[in-house]
């Protein structure tokens, strides 16, 4: 299952998100929007990869009727995410980029603790 997820990520998801500016150009979107969306998608790529791995491991544990680990971990990292979001969005004033960084850091910590 994991190999199929990797193949899908690197052959479908990665190229689409990496080339969002070209896709939006063909859809006749504003050039400023093309650049901003492409930057955010490129920043969001590691998050998608981490989340994909976390979901695979979570589904594996759920297939063995183990639910508490992932649910407790999600509750704990929810509070960490609130702290990260406040720090990056309001304190450092990174706005939308801060949201992407906060989500990526939260998912990375969730995955790292899960391992």
N, C-alpha and C. Protein backbone atom coordinates (compact mmCIF):
# COMPACT_ATOMS: atom_id res chain seq x y z
N UNK A 1 0.82 -1.19 0.00
CA UNK A 1 0.00 0.00 0.00
C UNK A 1 0.87 1.26 0.00
N UNK A 2 1.96 1.23 0.79
CA UNK A 2 2.81 2.41 0.87
C UNK A 2 3.50 2.70 -0.47
N UNK A 3 3.90 1.67 -1.17
CA UNK A 3 4.56 1.88 -2.46
C UNK A 3 3.61 2.53 -3.46
N UNK A 4 2.34 2.15 -3.43
CA UNK A 4 1.37 2.77 -4.33
C UNK A 4 1.13 4.24 -3.96
N UNK A 5 1.15 4.53 -2.68
CA UNK A 5 1.00 5.93 -2.25
C UNK A 5 2.19 6.76 -2.71
N UNK A 6 3.41 6.21 -2.61
CA UNK A 6 4.59 6.92 -3.08
C UNK A 6 4.53 7.15 -4.59
N UNK A 7 4.15 6.12 -5.31
CA UNK A 7 4.04 6.25 -6.77
C UNK A 7 3.02 7.32 -7.13
N UNK A 8 1.87 7.31 -6.46
CA UNK A 8 0.84 8.31 -6.73
C UNK A 8 1.34 9.71 -6.37
N UNK A 9 2.03 9.83 -5.25
CA UNK A 9 2.52 11.15 -4.83
C UNK A 9 3.51 11.71 -5.85
N UNK A 10 4.49 10.90 -6.26
CA UNK A 10 5.54 11.41 -7.13
C UNK A 10 5.14 11.49 -8.60
N UNK A 11 4.13 10.75 -9.02
CA UNK A 11 3.73 10.81 -10.43
C UNK A 11 2.51 11.69 -10.68
N UNK A 12 1.67 11.89 -9.68
CA UNK A 12 0.45 12.68 -9.89
C UNK A 12 0.45 13.95 -9.03
N UNK A 13 0.50 13.80 -7.74
CA UNK A 13 0.34 14.94 -6.83
C UNK A 13 1.49 15.94 -6.97
N UNK A 14 2.71 15.46 -6.90
CA UNK A 14 3.86 16.36 -6.97
C UNK A 14 3.90 17.17 -8.25
N UNK A 15 3.77 16.55 -9.44
CA UNK A 15 3.81 17.37 -10.66
C UNK A 15 2.67 18.39 -10.76
N UNK A 16 1.49 18.01 -10.30
CA UNK A 16 0.36 18.95 -10.38
C UNK A 16 0.61 20.15 -9.47
N UNK A 17 1.00 19.89 -8.23
CA UNK A 17 1.21 21.00 -7.30
C UNK A 17 2.44 21.83 -7.65
N UNK A 18 3.45 21.19 -8.19
CA UNK A 18 4.66 21.92 -8.56
C UNK A 18 4.43 22.82 -9.76
N UNK A 19 3.55 22.42 -10.65
CA UNK A 19 3.28 23.18 -11.87
C UNK A 19 1.94 23.90 -11.83
N UNK A 20 1.51 24.30 -10.68
CA UNK A 20 0.22 24.98 -10.55
C UNK A 20 0.18 26.28 -11.33
N UNK A 21 1.31 26.99 -11.39
CA UNK A 21 1.31 28.26 -12.12
C UNK A 21 1.02 28.05 -13.60
N UNK A 22 1.54 26.98 -14.17
CA UNK A 22 1.27 26.70 -15.59
C UNK A 22 -0.19 26.30 -15.81
N UNK A 23 -0.73 25.53 -14.86
CA UNK A 23 -2.13 25.13 -14.97
C UNK A 23 -3.03 26.36 -14.86
N UNK A 24 -2.72 27.24 -13.92
CA UNK A 24 -3.53 28.45 -13.77
C UNK A 24 -3.36 29.40 -14.95
N UNK A 25 -2.20 29.37 -15.58
CA UNK A 25 -2.00 30.19 -16.80
C UNK A 25 -2.94 29.73 -17.90
N UNK A 26 -3.07 28.42 -18.08
CA UNK A 26 -3.98 27.90 -19.09
C UNK A 26 -5.44 28.17 -18.74
N UNK A 27 -5.73 28.35 -17.45
CA UNK A 27 -7.08 28.70 -17.02
C UNK A 27 -7.31 30.21 -17.03
N UNK A 28 -6.32 30.95 -17.52
CA UNK A 28 -6.40 32.40 -17.71
C UNK A 28 -6.59 33.14 -16.38
N UNK A 29 -5.78 32.76 -15.38
CA UNK A 29 -5.83 33.44 -14.09
C UNK A 29 -4.80 34.57 -14.06
N UNK A 30 -4.99 35.48 -13.15
CA UNK A 30 -4.08 36.61 -12.96
C UNK A 30 -2.67 36.09 -12.64
N UNK A 31 -1.66 36.78 -13.18
CA UNK A 31 -0.27 36.33 -13.00
C UNK A 31 0.15 36.37 -11.53
N UNK A 32 -0.32 37.36 -10.79
CA UNK A 32 -0.01 37.45 -9.37
C UNK A 32 -0.58 36.26 -8.60
N UNK A 33 -1.80 35.87 -8.94
CA UNK A 33 -2.43 34.70 -8.30
C UNK A 33 -1.66 33.44 -8.66
N UNK A 34 -1.21 33.32 -9.90
CA UNK A 34 -0.44 32.15 -10.33
C UNK A 34 0.80 31.98 -9.47
N UNK A 35 1.53 33.05 -9.28
CA UNK A 35 2.78 32.98 -8.51
C UNK A 35 2.54 32.65 -7.04
N UNK A 36 1.54 33.31 -6.45
CA UNK A 36 1.25 33.09 -5.02
C UNK A 36 0.79 31.65 -4.75
N UNK A 37 -0.12 31.17 -5.59
CA UNK A 37 -0.63 29.81 -5.39
C UNK A 37 0.48 28.79 -5.60
N UNK A 38 1.34 29.01 -6.60
CA UNK A 38 2.43 28.09 -6.84
C UNK A 38 3.41 28.07 -5.66
N UNK A 39 3.73 29.24 -5.10
CA UNK A 39 4.62 29.30 -3.94
C UNK A 39 4.02 28.53 -2.76
N UNK A 40 2.73 28.75 -2.50
CA UNK A 40 2.09 28.07 -1.38
C UNK A 40 2.03 26.55 -1.61
N UNK A 41 1.77 26.13 -2.82
CA UNK A 41 1.73 24.70 -3.10
C UNK A 41 3.09 24.05 -2.94
N UNK A 42 4.13 24.73 -3.36
CA UNK A 42 5.48 24.18 -3.20
C UNK A 42 5.83 24.09 -1.71
N UNK A 43 5.43 25.10 -0.93
CA UNK A 43 5.66 25.04 0.51
C UNK A 43 4.85 23.93 1.18
N UNK A 44 3.71 23.60 0.60
CA UNK A 44 2.81 22.61 1.19
C UNK A 44 3.17 21.17 0.81
N UNK A 45 4.05 20.97 -0.16
CA UNK A 45 4.42 19.62 -0.61
C UNK A 45 4.98 18.74 0.51
N UNK A 46 5.91 19.22 1.34
CA UNK A 46 6.38 18.34 2.42
C UNK A 46 5.26 17.92 3.37
N UNK A 47 4.32 18.82 3.61
CA UNK A 47 3.20 18.50 4.49
C UNK A 47 2.37 17.36 3.92
N UNK A 48 2.13 17.38 2.65
CA UNK A 48 1.33 16.32 2.03
C UNK A 48 2.06 14.99 2.13
N UNK A 49 3.36 14.99 1.92
CA UNK A 49 4.14 13.77 2.01
C UNK A 49 4.12 13.21 3.44
N UNK A 50 4.31 14.09 4.43
CA UNK A 50 4.28 13.66 5.83
C UNK A 50 2.91 13.14 6.20
N UNK A 51 1.87 13.86 5.80
CA UNK A 51 0.51 13.46 6.13
C UNK A 51 0.15 12.13 5.48
N UNK A 52 0.63 11.91 4.27
CA UNK A 52 0.38 10.64 3.59
C UNK A 52 0.98 9.48 4.39
N UNK A 53 2.21 9.64 4.85
CA UNK A 53 2.85 8.58 5.64
C UNK A 53 2.15 8.37 6.98
N UNK A 54 1.74 9.45 7.60
CA UNK A 54 1.03 9.34 8.87
C UNK A 54 -0.30 8.61 8.69
N UNK A 55 -1.01 8.92 7.64
CA UNK A 55 -2.31 8.27 7.42
C UNK A 55 -2.15 6.79 7.11
N UNK A 56 -1.09 6.42 6.41
CA UNK A 56 -0.84 5.01 6.13
C UNK A 56 -0.59 4.26 7.44
N UNK A 57 0.25 4.81 8.31
CA UNK A 57 0.52 4.16 9.60
C UNK A 57 -0.72 4.13 10.49
N UNK A 58 -1.50 5.19 10.45
CA UNK A 58 -2.73 5.22 11.24
C UNK A 58 -3.70 4.14 10.78
N UNK A 59 -3.86 4.00 9.49
CA UNK A 59 -4.77 2.98 8.95
C UNK A 59 -4.27 1.57 9.29
N UNK A 60 -2.95 1.41 9.31
CA UNK A 60 -2.38 0.12 9.68
C UNK A 60 -2.75 -0.23 11.12
N UNK A 61 -2.58 0.74 12.03
CA UNK A 61 -2.93 0.49 13.43
C UNK A 61 -4.43 0.29 13.61
N UNK A 62 -5.22 1.02 12.85
CA UNK A 62 -6.67 0.86 12.95
C UNK A 62 -7.12 -0.50 12.45
N UNK A 63 -6.40 -1.05 11.50
CA UNK A 63 -6.76 -2.39 11.03
C UNK A 63 -6.51 -3.45 12.11
N UNK A 64 -5.65 -3.14 13.07
CA UNK A 64 -5.40 -4.03 14.20
C UNK A 64 -6.21 -3.63 15.43
N UNK A 65 -7.23 -2.79 15.22
CA UNK A 65 -8.12 -2.33 16.30
C UNK A 65 -7.40 -1.49 17.36
N UNK A 66 -6.36 -0.76 16.95
CA UNK A 66 -5.64 0.14 17.86
C UNK A 66 -6.00 1.57 17.47
N UNK A 67 -6.82 2.20 18.29
CA UNK A 67 -7.33 3.53 17.96
C UNK A 67 -6.78 4.63 18.88
N UNK A 68 -6.43 4.28 20.08
CA UNK A 68 -6.07 5.30 21.07
C UNK A 68 -4.81 6.07 20.72
N UNK A 69 -3.86 5.41 20.10
CA UNK A 69 -2.57 6.06 19.82
C UNK A 69 -2.77 7.26 18.91
N UNK A 70 -3.41 7.05 17.79
CA UNK A 70 -3.57 8.15 16.84
C UNK A 70 -4.53 9.22 17.34
N UNK A 71 -5.57 8.83 18.05
CA UNK A 71 -6.52 9.83 18.54
C UNK A 71 -5.90 10.68 19.65
N UNK A 72 -5.19 10.07 20.58
CA UNK A 72 -4.52 10.85 21.63
C UNK A 72 -3.45 11.75 21.06
N UNK A 73 -2.72 11.25 20.10
CA UNK A 73 -1.67 12.05 19.47
C UNK A 73 -2.28 13.24 18.72
N UNK A 74 -3.40 13.04 18.08
CA UNK A 74 -4.06 14.14 17.37
C UNK A 74 -4.55 15.21 18.34
N UNK A 75 -5.03 14.80 19.48
CA UNK A 75 -5.50 15.78 20.48
C UNK A 75 -4.33 16.61 21.01
N UNK A 76 -3.22 15.94 21.29
CA UNK A 76 -2.04 16.65 21.81
C UNK A 76 -1.50 17.63 20.77
N UNK A 77 -1.37 17.18 19.53
CA UNK A 77 -0.80 18.05 18.51
C UNK A 77 -1.76 19.15 18.08
N UNK A 78 -3.04 19.00 18.36
CA UNK A 78 -3.98 20.09 18.10
C UNK A 78 -3.59 21.33 18.89
N UNK A 79 -3.25 21.14 20.15
CA UNK A 79 -2.86 22.28 20.98
C UNK A 79 -1.51 22.84 20.53
N UNK A 80 -0.61 21.99 20.10
CA UNK A 80 0.65 22.48 19.55
C UNK A 80 0.41 23.29 18.28
N UNK A 81 -0.55 22.85 17.48
CA UNK A 81 -0.85 23.57 16.25
C UNK A 81 -1.39 24.97 16.56
N UNK A 82 -2.20 25.10 17.58
CA UNK A 82 -2.70 26.43 17.95
C UNK A 82 -1.55 27.35 18.34
N UNK A 83 -0.58 26.82 19.07
CA UNK A 83 0.58 27.62 19.47
C UNK A 83 1.42 27.99 18.25
N UNK A 84 1.68 27.01 17.38
CA UNK A 84 2.45 27.29 16.16
C UNK A 84 1.73 28.32 15.28
N UNK A 85 0.44 28.17 15.14
CA UNK A 85 -0.32 29.09 14.29
C UNK A 85 -0.24 30.51 14.83
N UNK A 86 -0.45 30.67 16.12
CA UNK A 86 -0.38 32.01 16.70
C UNK A 86 1.01 32.60 16.50
N UNK A 87 2.05 31.79 16.74
CA UNK A 87 3.43 32.29 16.63
C UNK A 87 3.75 32.73 15.21
N UNK A 88 3.46 31.89 14.23
CA UNK A 88 3.84 32.21 12.85
C UNK A 88 2.92 33.23 12.18
N UNK A 89 1.64 33.15 12.47
CA UNK A 89 0.69 34.03 11.78
C UNK A 89 0.65 35.41 12.42
N UNK A 90 0.56 35.48 13.73
CA UNK A 90 0.40 36.77 14.39
C UNK A 90 1.70 37.36 14.91
N UNK A 91 2.51 36.56 15.59
CA UNK A 91 3.73 37.08 16.19
C UNK A 91 4.78 37.43 15.14
N UNK A 92 5.04 36.50 14.22
CA UNK A 92 6.00 36.78 13.14
C UNK A 92 5.37 37.45 11.93
N UNK A 93 4.05 37.55 11.92
CA UNK A 93 3.28 38.21 10.85
C UNK A 93 3.58 37.62 9.47
N UNK A 94 3.59 36.28 9.38
CA UNK A 94 3.83 35.61 8.11
C UNK A 94 2.53 35.33 7.34
N UNK A 95 1.42 35.57 7.96
CA UNK A 95 0.09 35.41 7.38
C UNK A 95 -0.12 34.03 6.79
N UNK A 96 -0.43 33.94 5.49
CA UNK A 96 -0.75 32.66 4.87
C UNK A 96 0.45 31.72 4.85
N UNK A 97 1.64 32.27 4.68
CA UNK A 97 2.84 31.43 4.72
C UNK A 97 3.03 30.85 6.13
N UNK A 98 2.66 31.62 7.14
CA UNK A 98 2.74 31.14 8.51
C UNK A 98 1.80 29.98 8.76
N UNK A 99 0.63 30.02 8.13
CA UNK A 99 -0.32 28.91 8.27
C UNK A 99 0.28 27.64 7.68
N UNK A 100 0.87 27.75 6.50
CA UNK A 100 1.48 26.59 5.85
C UNK A 100 2.62 26.04 6.69
N UNK A 101 3.45 26.91 7.23
CA UNK A 101 4.56 26.47 8.07
C UNK A 101 4.05 25.81 9.35
N UNK A 102 3.02 26.40 9.95
CA UNK A 102 2.46 25.83 11.19
C UNK A 102 1.85 24.45 10.94
N UNK A 103 1.13 24.29 9.85
CA UNK A 103 0.53 22.99 9.54
C UNK A 103 1.61 21.95 9.27
N UNK A 104 2.64 22.34 8.54
CA UNK A 104 3.73 21.41 8.24
C UNK A 104 4.47 21.00 9.51
N UNK A 105 4.74 21.96 10.38
CA UNK A 105 5.43 21.63 11.63
C UNK A 105 4.57 20.73 12.51
N UNK A 106 3.28 21.01 12.58
CA UNK A 106 2.39 20.18 13.38
C UNK A 106 2.35 18.75 12.87
N UNK A 107 2.19 18.60 11.56
CA UNK A 107 2.14 17.24 10.99
C UNK A 107 3.48 16.53 11.11
N UNK A 108 4.58 17.27 11.00
CA UNK A 108 5.89 16.65 11.16
C UNK A 108 6.07 16.15 12.59
N UNK A 109 5.69 16.97 13.57
CA UNK A 109 5.80 16.53 14.97
C UNK A 109 4.89 15.35 15.26
N UNK A 110 3.70 15.38 14.70
CA UNK A 110 2.77 14.25 14.89
C UNK A 110 3.38 12.96 14.35
N UNK A 111 3.94 13.04 13.16
CA UNK A 111 4.55 11.87 12.54
C UNK A 111 5.79 11.42 13.30
N UNK A 112 6.61 12.38 13.74
CA UNK A 112 7.84 12.04 14.46
C UNK A 112 7.53 11.39 15.81
N UNK A 113 6.53 11.90 16.51
CA UNK A 113 6.15 11.31 17.79
C UNK A 113 5.52 9.94 17.56
N UNK A 114 4.78 9.81 16.49
CA UNK A 114 4.08 8.56 16.16
C UNK A 114 5.07 7.43 15.92
N UNK A 115 6.21 7.77 15.32
CA UNK A 115 7.21 6.73 15.06
C UNK A 115 7.84 6.30 16.34
